[in-house]
N, C-alpha and C. Protein backbone atom coordinates (compact mmCIF):
# COMPACT_ATOMS: atom_id res chain seq x y z
N MET A 1 -5.73 8.47 -0.15
CA MET A 1 -4.78 8.39 -1.24
C MET A 1 -3.34 8.28 -0.73
N ALA A 2 -3.13 8.65 0.53
CA ALA A 2 -1.78 8.59 1.09
C ALA A 2 -1.21 7.16 1.06
N PRO A 3 -2.01 6.12 1.40
CA PRO A 3 -1.44 4.77 1.33
C PRO A 3 -0.98 4.40 -0.08
N LEU A 4 -1.75 4.80 -1.09
CA LEU A 4 -1.35 4.52 -2.47
C LEU A 4 -0.03 5.23 -2.81
N PHE A 5 0.07 6.48 -2.42
CA PHE A 5 1.30 7.25 -2.65
C PHE A 5 2.47 6.58 -1.94
N ILE A 6 2.28 6.22 -0.69
CA ILE A 6 3.35 5.57 0.07
C ILE A 6 3.76 4.27 -0.58
N LEU A 7 2.80 3.47 -0.99
CA LEU A 7 3.11 2.18 -1.62
C LEU A 7 3.91 2.37 -2.90
N ILE A 8 3.46 3.22 -3.78
CA ILE A 8 4.12 3.38 -5.08
C ILE A 8 5.50 4.02 -4.92
N VAL A 9 5.59 5.10 -4.17
CA VAL A 9 6.88 5.79 -4.01
C VAL A 9 7.89 4.88 -3.31
N THR A 10 7.46 4.22 -2.23
CA THR A 10 8.37 3.33 -1.51
C THR A 10 8.81 2.18 -2.40
N PHE A 11 7.88 1.62 -3.16
CA PHE A 11 8.18 0.52 -4.08
C PHE A 11 9.26 0.95 -5.08
N LEU A 12 9.09 2.10 -5.70
CA LEU A 12 10.05 2.56 -6.70
C LEU A 12 11.40 2.93 -6.08
N VAL A 13 11.38 3.56 -4.92
CA VAL A 13 12.64 3.90 -4.24
C VAL A 13 13.39 2.64 -3.85
N LEU A 14 12.68 1.67 -3.25
CA LEU A 14 13.34 0.43 -2.84
C LEU A 14 13.88 -0.34 -4.04
N ARG A 15 13.11 -0.37 -5.12
CA ARG A 15 13.57 -1.08 -6.32
C ARG A 15 14.80 -0.40 -6.91
N THR A 16 14.84 0.91 -6.88
CA THR A 16 16.03 1.65 -7.35
C THR A 16 17.24 1.31 -6.49
N ILE A 17 17.05 1.26 -5.18
CA ILE A 17 18.14 0.88 -4.28
C ILE A 17 18.60 -0.54 -4.59
N GLY A 18 17.65 -1.42 -4.88
CA GLY A 18 18.00 -2.79 -5.27
C GLY A 18 18.81 -2.84 -6.55
N LEU A 19 18.45 -2.00 -7.50
CA LEU A 19 19.21 -1.95 -8.75
C LEU A 19 20.63 -1.42 -8.54
N LEU A 20 20.81 -0.66 -7.46
CA LEU A 20 22.13 -0.12 -7.16
C LEU A 20 23.01 -1.12 -6.41
N GLY A 21 22.46 -2.31 -6.15
CA GLY A 21 23.29 -3.36 -5.58
C GLY A 21 22.88 -3.94 -4.25
N VAL A 22 21.80 -3.46 -3.64
CA VAL A 22 21.36 -4.04 -2.37
C VAL A 22 20.60 -5.32 -2.69
N LYS A 23 21.23 -6.47 -2.40
CA LYS A 23 20.69 -7.77 -2.80
C LYS A 23 19.32 -8.05 -2.18
N ARG A 24 19.07 -7.63 -0.97
CA ARG A 24 17.82 -7.93 -0.28
C ARG A 24 16.60 -7.42 -1.06
N ILE A 25 16.76 -6.36 -1.80
CA ILE A 25 15.65 -5.80 -2.58
C ILE A 25 16.01 -5.74 -4.07
N SER A 26 16.71 -6.77 -4.53
CA SER A 26 17.16 -6.76 -5.92
C SER A 26 16.11 -7.29 -6.89
N SER A 27 14.95 -7.69 -6.40
CA SER A 27 13.88 -8.10 -7.31
C SER A 27 12.66 -7.21 -7.07
N TRP A 28 11.79 -7.19 -8.07
CA TRP A 28 10.57 -6.40 -7.96
C TRP A 28 9.73 -6.91 -6.80
N ARG A 29 9.65 -8.23 -6.65
CA ARG A 29 8.81 -8.80 -5.60
C ARG A 29 9.33 -8.45 -4.21
N GLU A 30 10.63 -8.52 -4.01
CA GLU A 30 11.22 -8.19 -2.70
C GLU A 30 11.02 -6.71 -2.37
N ALA A 31 11.22 -5.85 -3.35
CA ALA A 31 10.99 -4.41 -3.13
C ALA A 31 9.51 -4.18 -2.83
N GLY A 32 8.64 -4.87 -3.55
CA GLY A 32 7.21 -4.75 -3.32
C GLY A 32 6.80 -5.23 -1.94
N LEU A 33 7.42 -6.31 -1.48
CA LEU A 33 7.11 -6.84 -0.15
C LEU A 33 7.41 -5.80 0.92
N LEU A 34 8.55 -5.17 0.84
CA LEU A 34 8.89 -4.15 1.83
C LEU A 34 7.99 -2.92 1.69
N ALA A 35 7.63 -2.57 0.47
CA ALA A 35 6.74 -1.42 0.26
C ALA A 35 5.35 -1.71 0.84
N VAL A 36 4.83 -2.90 0.62
CA VAL A 36 3.53 -3.29 1.18
C VAL A 36 3.61 -3.28 2.71
N THR A 37 4.71 -3.79 3.25
CA THR A 37 4.90 -3.80 4.70
C THR A 37 4.89 -2.38 5.25
N ILE A 38 5.61 -1.49 4.62
CA ILE A 38 5.66 -0.09 5.07
C ILE A 38 4.27 0.54 4.98
N MET A 39 3.54 0.26 3.90
CA MET A 39 2.20 0.82 3.75
C MET A 39 1.29 0.35 4.89
N PHE A 40 1.31 -0.95 5.19
CA PHE A 40 0.44 -1.46 6.26
C PHE A 40 0.87 -0.95 7.63
N LEU A 41 2.16 -0.79 7.85
CA LEU A 41 2.61 -0.21 9.12
C LEU A 41 2.10 1.22 9.25
N PHE A 42 2.22 1.99 8.18
CA PHE A 42 1.74 3.37 8.19
C PHE A 42 0.23 3.42 8.45
N THR A 43 -0.53 2.69 7.66
CA THR A 43 -1.99 2.76 7.81
C THR A 43 -2.42 2.20 9.15
N GLY A 44 -1.76 1.16 9.61
CA GLY A 44 -2.11 0.59 10.92
C GLY A 44 -1.88 1.58 12.04
N VAL A 45 -0.77 2.27 12.01
CA VAL A 45 -0.46 3.26 13.05
C VAL A 45 -1.48 4.40 13.04
N THR A 46 -1.93 4.81 11.85
CA THR A 46 -2.89 5.92 11.79
C THR A 46 -4.20 5.59 12.49
N HIS A 47 -4.48 4.30 12.69
CA HIS A 47 -5.70 3.90 13.39
C HIS A 47 -5.64 4.22 14.88
N PHE A 48 -4.48 4.63 15.35
CA PHE A 48 -4.30 4.97 16.76
C PHE A 48 -4.03 6.46 16.96
N THR A 49 -4.17 7.24 15.90
CA THR A 49 -3.99 8.69 15.98
C THR A 49 -5.37 9.35 15.95
N GLY A 50 -5.40 10.65 15.85
CA GLY A 50 -6.66 11.37 15.75
C GLY A 50 -7.48 10.97 14.53
N MET A 51 -6.83 10.33 13.55
CA MET A 51 -7.54 9.88 12.35
C MET A 51 -8.53 8.76 12.65
N LYS A 52 -8.41 8.14 13.83
CA LYS A 52 -9.32 7.04 14.18
C LYS A 52 -10.78 7.50 14.12
N TYR A 53 -11.03 8.78 14.40
CA TYR A 53 -12.41 9.28 14.35
C TYR A 53 -12.89 9.42 12.91
N ASP A 54 -11.99 9.75 12.00
CA ASP A 54 -12.36 9.79 10.58
C ASP A 54 -12.66 8.37 10.08
N TYR A 55 -11.83 7.41 10.50
CA TYR A 55 -12.08 6.01 10.12
C TYR A 55 -13.41 5.54 10.71
N ALA A 56 -13.67 5.87 11.97
CA ALA A 56 -14.90 5.44 12.63
C ALA A 56 -16.13 6.01 11.92
N ALA A 57 -16.03 7.21 11.40
CA ALA A 57 -17.15 7.82 10.68
C ALA A 57 -17.48 7.05 9.40
N MET A 58 -16.54 6.26 8.90
CA MET A 58 -16.76 5.49 7.69
C MET A 58 -17.60 4.24 7.95
N LEU A 59 -17.80 3.90 9.21
CA LEU A 59 -18.59 2.72 9.55
C LEU A 59 -20.06 3.09 9.61
N PRO A 60 -20.94 2.19 9.18
CA PRO A 60 -22.38 2.48 9.22
C PRO A 60 -22.84 2.76 10.65
N GLY A 61 -23.92 3.51 10.78
CA GLY A 61 -24.44 3.92 12.07
C GLY A 61 -24.74 2.78 13.02
N PHE A 62 -25.11 1.61 12.49
CA PHE A 62 -25.47 0.49 13.35
C PHE A 62 -24.26 -0.24 13.94
N ALA A 63 -23.07 0.06 13.45
CA ALA A 63 -21.86 -0.62 13.94
C ALA A 63 -21.57 -0.21 15.38
N PRO A 64 -21.44 -1.18 16.29
CA PRO A 64 -21.15 -0.85 17.69
C PRO A 64 -19.65 -0.59 17.89
N MET A 65 -19.32 0.10 18.94
CA MET A 65 -17.92 0.30 19.38
C MET A 65 -17.01 0.65 18.20
N LYS A 66 -17.36 1.68 17.48
CA LYS A 66 -16.65 2.04 16.25
C LYS A 66 -15.16 2.25 16.47
N VAL A 67 -14.78 2.99 17.49
CA VAL A 67 -13.35 3.25 17.71
C VAL A 67 -12.62 1.96 18.06
N SER A 68 -13.28 1.06 18.79
CA SER A 68 -12.66 -0.23 19.10
C SER A 68 -12.43 -1.04 17.83
N ILE A 69 -13.37 -0.99 16.91
CA ILE A 69 -13.21 -1.68 15.62
C ILE A 69 -12.02 -1.09 14.87
N ILE A 70 -11.89 0.23 14.90
CA ILE A 70 -10.78 0.89 14.22
C ILE A 70 -9.46 0.49 14.86
N HIS A 71 -9.41 0.43 16.19
CA HIS A 71 -8.18 -0.01 16.86
C HIS A 71 -7.85 -1.45 16.48
N LEU A 72 -8.86 -2.31 16.42
CA LEU A 72 -8.65 -3.70 16.05
C LEU A 72 -8.09 -3.82 14.63
N THR A 73 -8.69 -3.10 13.69
CA THR A 73 -8.20 -3.20 12.31
C THR A 73 -6.79 -2.62 12.18
N GLY A 74 -6.49 -1.58 12.95
CA GLY A 74 -5.13 -1.03 12.95
C GLY A 74 -4.13 -2.03 13.49
N ALA A 75 -4.49 -2.69 14.59
CA ALA A 75 -3.60 -3.70 15.18
C ALA A 75 -3.40 -4.86 14.22
N LEU A 76 -4.46 -5.28 13.53
CA LEU A 76 -4.34 -6.37 12.56
C LEU A 76 -3.42 -5.98 11.40
N GLN A 77 -3.50 -4.74 10.97
CA GLN A 77 -2.61 -4.28 9.89
C GLN A 77 -1.15 -4.29 10.34
N ILE A 78 -0.90 -3.84 11.55
CA ILE A 78 0.47 -3.82 12.07
C ILE A 78 0.99 -5.24 12.24
N LEU A 79 0.18 -6.12 12.84
CA LEU A 79 0.60 -7.52 13.01
C LEU A 79 0.81 -8.19 11.66
N GLY A 80 -0.07 -7.92 10.72
CA GLY A 80 0.09 -8.49 9.39
C GLY A 80 1.36 -8.01 8.71
N ALA A 81 1.67 -6.74 8.87
CA ALA A 81 2.91 -6.19 8.28
C ALA A 81 4.13 -6.89 8.87
N ILE A 82 4.12 -7.09 10.17
CA ILE A 82 5.23 -7.81 10.81
C ILE A 82 5.29 -9.24 10.29
N GLY A 83 4.12 -9.86 10.14
CA GLY A 83 4.05 -11.22 9.60
C GLY A 83 4.62 -11.33 8.20
N LEU A 84 4.49 -10.29 7.40
CA LEU A 84 5.05 -10.31 6.04
C LEU A 84 6.58 -10.38 6.06
N LEU A 85 7.19 -9.89 7.11
CA LEU A 85 8.65 -9.86 7.19
C LEU A 85 9.25 -11.19 7.64
N ILE A 86 8.42 -12.08 8.15
CA ILE A 86 8.88 -13.38 8.65
C ILE A 86 8.53 -14.43 7.61
N SER A 87 9.53 -15.10 7.07
CA SER A 87 9.28 -16.02 5.96
C SER A 87 8.28 -17.13 6.33
N ARG A 88 8.30 -17.61 7.55
CA ARG A 88 7.38 -18.69 7.96
C ARG A 88 5.93 -18.22 8.02
N THR A 89 5.70 -16.94 8.25
CA THR A 89 4.32 -16.43 8.39
C THR A 89 3.89 -15.58 7.21
N ARG A 90 4.79 -15.35 6.27
CA ARG A 90 4.52 -14.42 5.17
C ARG A 90 3.25 -14.78 4.39
N ARG A 91 3.12 -16.02 4.01
CA ARG A 91 1.98 -16.44 3.19
C ARG A 91 0.67 -16.22 3.94
N LEU A 92 0.60 -16.70 5.19
CA LEU A 92 -0.61 -16.54 5.99
C LEU A 92 -0.90 -15.07 6.25
N ALA A 93 0.12 -14.29 6.56
CA ALA A 93 -0.07 -12.86 6.80
C ALA A 93 -0.61 -12.17 5.54
N GLY A 94 -0.08 -12.52 4.39
CA GLY A 94 -0.56 -11.92 3.14
C GLY A 94 -2.01 -12.26 2.86
N ILE A 95 -2.38 -13.51 3.07
CA ILE A 95 -3.77 -13.91 2.85
C ILE A 95 -4.69 -13.19 3.84
N CYS A 96 -4.27 -13.13 5.09
CA CYS A 96 -5.09 -12.44 6.11
C CYS A 96 -5.22 -10.95 5.82
N LEU A 97 -4.14 -10.32 5.38
CA LEU A 97 -4.22 -8.89 5.04
C LEU A 97 -5.12 -8.66 3.84
N ALA A 98 -5.06 -9.55 2.84
CA ALA A 98 -5.94 -9.42 1.68
C ALA A 98 -7.40 -9.55 2.11
N LEU A 99 -7.67 -10.52 2.99
CA LEU A 99 -9.04 -10.69 3.49
C LEU A 99 -9.47 -9.47 4.32
N LEU A 100 -8.55 -8.90 5.07
CA LEU A 100 -8.86 -7.69 5.84
C LEU A 100 -9.21 -6.53 4.90
N LEU A 101 -8.48 -6.40 3.80
CA LEU A 101 -8.79 -5.35 2.83
C LEU A 101 -10.19 -5.55 2.24
N VAL A 102 -10.54 -6.81 1.97
CA VAL A 102 -11.88 -7.10 1.47
C VAL A 102 -12.92 -6.75 2.54
N ALA A 103 -12.65 -7.12 3.79
CA ALA A 103 -13.60 -6.86 4.87
C ALA A 103 -13.78 -5.37 5.15
N MET A 104 -12.74 -4.60 4.92
CA MET A 104 -12.83 -3.15 5.19
C MET A 104 -13.43 -2.37 4.03
N PHE A 105 -13.50 -2.97 2.86
CA PHE A 105 -13.98 -2.24 1.69
C PHE A 105 -15.41 -1.71 1.84
N PRO A 106 -16.34 -2.43 2.48
CA PRO A 106 -17.68 -1.85 2.66
C PRO A 106 -17.67 -0.50 3.38
N GLY A 107 -16.70 -0.27 4.24
CA GLY A 107 -16.58 1.05 4.87
C GLY A 107 -16.29 2.13 3.85
N ASN A 108 -15.48 1.81 2.87
CA ASN A 108 -15.20 2.76 1.79
C ASN A 108 -16.44 3.01 0.95
N VAL A 109 -17.20 1.94 0.71
CA VAL A 109 -18.45 2.08 -0.06
C VAL A 109 -19.42 2.97 0.72
N TYR A 110 -19.58 2.70 2.00
CA TYR A 110 -20.48 3.49 2.84
C TYR A 110 -20.06 4.96 2.84
N ALA A 111 -18.76 5.20 3.00
CA ALA A 111 -18.26 6.59 3.02
C ALA A 111 -18.52 7.29 1.70
N ALA A 112 -18.31 6.58 0.59
CA ALA A 112 -18.52 7.21 -0.71
C ALA A 112 -19.99 7.50 -0.97
N ILE A 113 -20.85 6.54 -0.66
CA ILE A 113 -22.28 6.71 -0.91
C ILE A 113 -22.86 7.81 -0.02
N ASN A 114 -22.41 7.87 1.23
CA ASN A 114 -22.95 8.82 2.19
C ASN A 114 -22.11 10.09 2.29
N GLU A 115 -21.15 10.23 1.41
CA GLU A 115 -20.29 11.41 1.33
C GLU A 115 -19.67 11.78 2.68
N VAL A 116 -19.09 10.75 3.33
CA VAL A 116 -18.43 10.95 4.62
C VAL A 116 -17.04 11.52 4.36
N PRO A 117 -16.75 12.71 4.86
CA PRO A 117 -15.42 13.29 4.62
C PRO A 117 -14.34 12.55 5.40
N PHE A 118 -13.13 12.60 4.87
CA PHE A 118 -11.97 12.00 5.55
C PHE A 118 -10.91 13.08 5.64
N ARG A 119 -10.55 13.44 6.85
CA ARG A 119 -9.59 14.52 7.11
C ARG A 119 -10.04 15.82 6.45
N GLY A 120 -11.34 16.04 6.47
CA GLY A 120 -11.90 17.28 5.93
C GLY A 120 -12.06 17.28 4.42
N GLU A 121 -11.65 16.22 3.76
CA GLU A 121 -11.75 16.11 2.30
C GLU A 121 -12.89 15.17 1.93
N PRO A 122 -13.48 15.36 0.74
CA PRO A 122 -14.52 14.42 0.30
C PRO A 122 -13.94 13.02 0.14
N PRO A 123 -14.78 12.00 0.29
CA PRO A 123 -14.28 10.62 0.14
C PRO A 123 -13.84 10.35 -1.29
N THR A 124 -12.95 9.39 -1.41
CA THR A 124 -12.52 8.96 -2.75
C THR A 124 -13.71 8.31 -3.45
N PRO A 125 -14.01 8.74 -4.67
CA PRO A 125 -15.15 8.14 -5.39
C PRO A 125 -14.92 6.63 -5.62
N LEU A 126 -16.02 5.88 -5.62
CA LEU A 126 -15.92 4.43 -5.77
C LEU A 126 -15.25 4.01 -7.06
N TRP A 127 -15.47 4.75 -8.14
CA TRP A 127 -14.87 4.37 -9.42
C TRP A 127 -13.34 4.40 -9.33
N LEU A 128 -12.81 5.16 -8.37
CA LEU A 128 -11.37 5.22 -8.17
C LEU A 128 -10.95 4.32 -7.01
N ARG A 129 -11.74 4.29 -5.96
CA ARG A 129 -11.40 3.53 -4.76
C ARG A 129 -11.37 2.03 -5.01
N ALA A 130 -12.31 1.51 -5.78
CA ALA A 130 -12.36 0.07 -6.04
C ALA A 130 -11.09 -0.43 -6.73
N PRO A 131 -10.61 0.21 -7.81
CA PRO A 131 -9.37 -0.26 -8.42
C PRO A 131 -8.16 -0.12 -7.49
N ILE A 132 -8.15 0.93 -6.66
CA ILE A 132 -7.05 1.09 -5.71
C ILE A 132 -7.05 -0.07 -4.72
N GLN A 133 -8.24 -0.42 -4.23
CA GLN A 133 -8.34 -1.53 -3.28
C GLN A 133 -7.90 -2.84 -3.93
N LEU A 134 -8.28 -3.04 -5.18
CA LEU A 134 -7.85 -4.25 -5.90
C LEU A 134 -6.33 -4.25 -6.09
N PHE A 135 -5.75 -3.10 -6.32
CA PHE A 135 -4.29 -2.98 -6.44
C PHE A 135 -3.62 -3.35 -5.12
N PHE A 136 -4.15 -2.86 -4.01
CA PHE A 136 -3.59 -3.20 -2.69
C PHE A 136 -3.66 -4.71 -2.46
N ILE A 137 -4.81 -5.30 -2.77
CA ILE A 137 -4.99 -6.75 -2.59
C ILE A 137 -4.01 -7.51 -3.49
N GLY A 138 -3.92 -7.09 -4.75
CA GLY A 138 -3.02 -7.76 -5.68
C GLY A 138 -1.56 -7.67 -5.26
N MET A 139 -1.13 -6.49 -4.84
CA MET A 139 0.26 -6.31 -4.38
C MET A 139 0.53 -7.17 -3.14
N THR A 140 -0.42 -7.20 -2.23
CA THR A 140 -0.26 -7.98 -1.01
C THR A 140 -0.11 -9.45 -1.33
N LEU A 141 -0.97 -9.98 -2.17
CA LEU A 141 -0.89 -11.40 -2.52
C LEU A 141 0.33 -11.72 -3.36
N TRP A 142 0.65 -10.88 -4.33
CA TRP A 142 1.80 -11.12 -5.20
C TRP A 142 3.10 -11.16 -4.41
N THR A 143 3.23 -10.30 -3.43
CA THR A 143 4.48 -10.22 -2.68
C THR A 143 4.57 -11.25 -1.56
N SER A 144 3.45 -11.85 -1.19
CA SER A 144 3.48 -12.74 -0.02
C SER A 144 3.30 -14.21 -0.34
N ILE A 145 2.83 -14.53 -1.52
CA ILE A 145 2.55 -15.93 -1.86
C ILE A 145 3.54 -16.40 -2.91
N GLY A 146 4.02 -17.60 -2.73
CA GLY A 146 4.96 -18.18 -3.68
C GLY A 146 6.38 -18.07 -3.19
N LYS A 147 7.25 -18.75 -3.87
CA LYS A 147 8.66 -18.78 -3.50
C LYS A 147 9.34 -17.48 -3.89
N ARG A 148 10.23 -17.02 -3.04
CA ARG A 148 11.08 -15.87 -3.35
C ARG A 148 12.18 -16.36 -4.30
N PRO A 149 12.71 -15.47 -5.12
CA PRO A 149 13.76 -15.89 -6.05
C PRO A 149 14.94 -16.57 -5.36
N ASN A 150 15.31 -16.13 -4.17
CA ASN A 150 16.45 -16.73 -3.49
C ASN A 150 16.08 -18.02 -2.75
N GLU A 151 14.79 -18.39 -2.69
CA GLU A 151 14.38 -19.62 -2.04
C GLU A 151 14.25 -20.77 -3.03
N VAL A 152 14.10 -20.48 -4.28
CA VAL A 152 13.89 -21.50 -5.29
C VAL A 152 15.15 -22.34 -5.42
N GLY A 153 14.99 -23.64 -5.27
CA GLY A 153 16.10 -24.56 -5.46
C GLY A 153 17.04 -24.69 -4.28
N GLN A 154 16.83 -23.94 -3.21
CA GLN A 154 17.72 -24.06 -2.06
C GLN A 154 17.28 -25.21 -1.17
N GLN A 155 18.27 -25.90 -0.58
CA GLN A 155 17.99 -26.91 0.43
C GLN A 155 18.46 -26.36 1.75
N LEU A 156 17.88 -26.86 2.81
CA LEU A 156 18.32 -26.44 4.13
C LEU A 156 19.72 -26.94 4.40
N ILE A 157 20.58 -26.05 4.87
CA ILE A 157 21.96 -26.41 5.17
C ILE A 157 21.98 -27.33 6.37
N GLY A 158 22.80 -28.39 6.27
CA GLY A 158 22.94 -29.32 7.38
C GLY A 158 21.88 -30.41 7.39
N ARG A 159 20.95 -30.37 6.48
CA ARG A 159 19.90 -31.39 6.41
C ARG A 159 20.28 -32.35 5.30
N PRO A 160 20.36 -33.64 5.61
CA PRO A 160 20.75 -34.59 4.56
C PRO A 160 19.68 -34.66 3.48
N ALA A 161 20.14 -34.88 2.26
CA ALA A 161 19.21 -35.01 1.15
C ALA A 161 18.43 -36.30 1.32
N PRO A 162 17.18 -36.33 0.86
CA PRO A 162 16.41 -37.57 0.93
C PRO A 162 17.16 -38.70 0.22
N GLU A 163 16.89 -39.94 0.64
CA GLU A 163 17.63 -41.10 0.15
C GLU A 163 17.60 -41.20 -1.37
N HIS A 164 16.48 -40.88 -1.99
CA HIS A 164 16.38 -40.99 -3.43
C HIS A 164 17.21 -39.93 -4.16
N GLU A 165 17.68 -38.89 -3.42
CA GLU A 165 18.49 -37.85 -4.04
C GLU A 165 19.98 -38.03 -3.76
N GLN A 166 20.34 -39.00 -2.89
CA GLN A 166 21.75 -39.20 -2.57
C GLN A 166 22.42 -39.96 -3.70
N PRO A 167 23.66 -39.60 -4.00
CA PRO A 167 24.35 -40.29 -5.09
C PRO A 167 24.60 -41.76 -4.71
N ALA A 168 24.51 -42.59 -5.73
CA ALA A 168 24.76 -44.02 -5.52
C ALA A 168 26.23 -44.24 -5.22
N ARG A 169 26.52 -45.18 -4.34
CA ARG A 169 27.91 -45.53 -4.00
C ARG A 169 28.38 -46.60 -4.96
N GLN A 170 29.51 -46.37 -5.54
CA GLN A 170 30.06 -47.36 -6.46
C GLN A 170 30.87 -48.38 -5.66
N GLY A 171 30.74 -49.62 -6.04
CA GLY A 171 31.54 -50.68 -5.43
C GLY A 171 30.99 -51.14 -4.10
N ALA A 172 29.90 -50.61 -3.65
CA ALA A 172 29.33 -51.04 -2.38
C ALA A 172 28.56 -52.32 -2.61
N SER A 173 28.73 -53.28 -1.71
CA SER A 173 27.99 -54.54 -1.83
C SER A 173 26.73 -54.45 -1.01
N SER A 174 25.73 -55.23 -1.46
CA SER A 174 24.48 -55.19 -0.71
C SER A 174 24.25 -56.46 0.03
């Protein structure tokens, strides 16, 4: 539940700061993008702490090299979070993170069905975990796909407009 708390609280705090005049986070989508990034950085880092054993316990018994899988998914979350911050990689990073969330969901199902504790607490029930996972996927895709408000209608500075967009010259002979 900590990632959900981090996402929502960070999202609301960043949006409030945006409303107070910080242009970088002056839209819901921009505040959401940073909140999603912070959430993935947090969850990714936890894959390298003592929590890695709790995550590994969520994998079915037949899964090989459980801790290595946990390290890999943590690294992918961190790399994806960094990718969200770079406009050229944002879309791909968002799609990859959404796919990672889908790929990791069976671990949540396994933990819930087999009552695998996480940090000494019972697992989140599926009726609650599934909508949370869909919310994470939705937030990730919403914040990473599509044009940002400040990108719409902008042209690259120093790049000439295509010929069909250049104003016609009056009095020029052909």
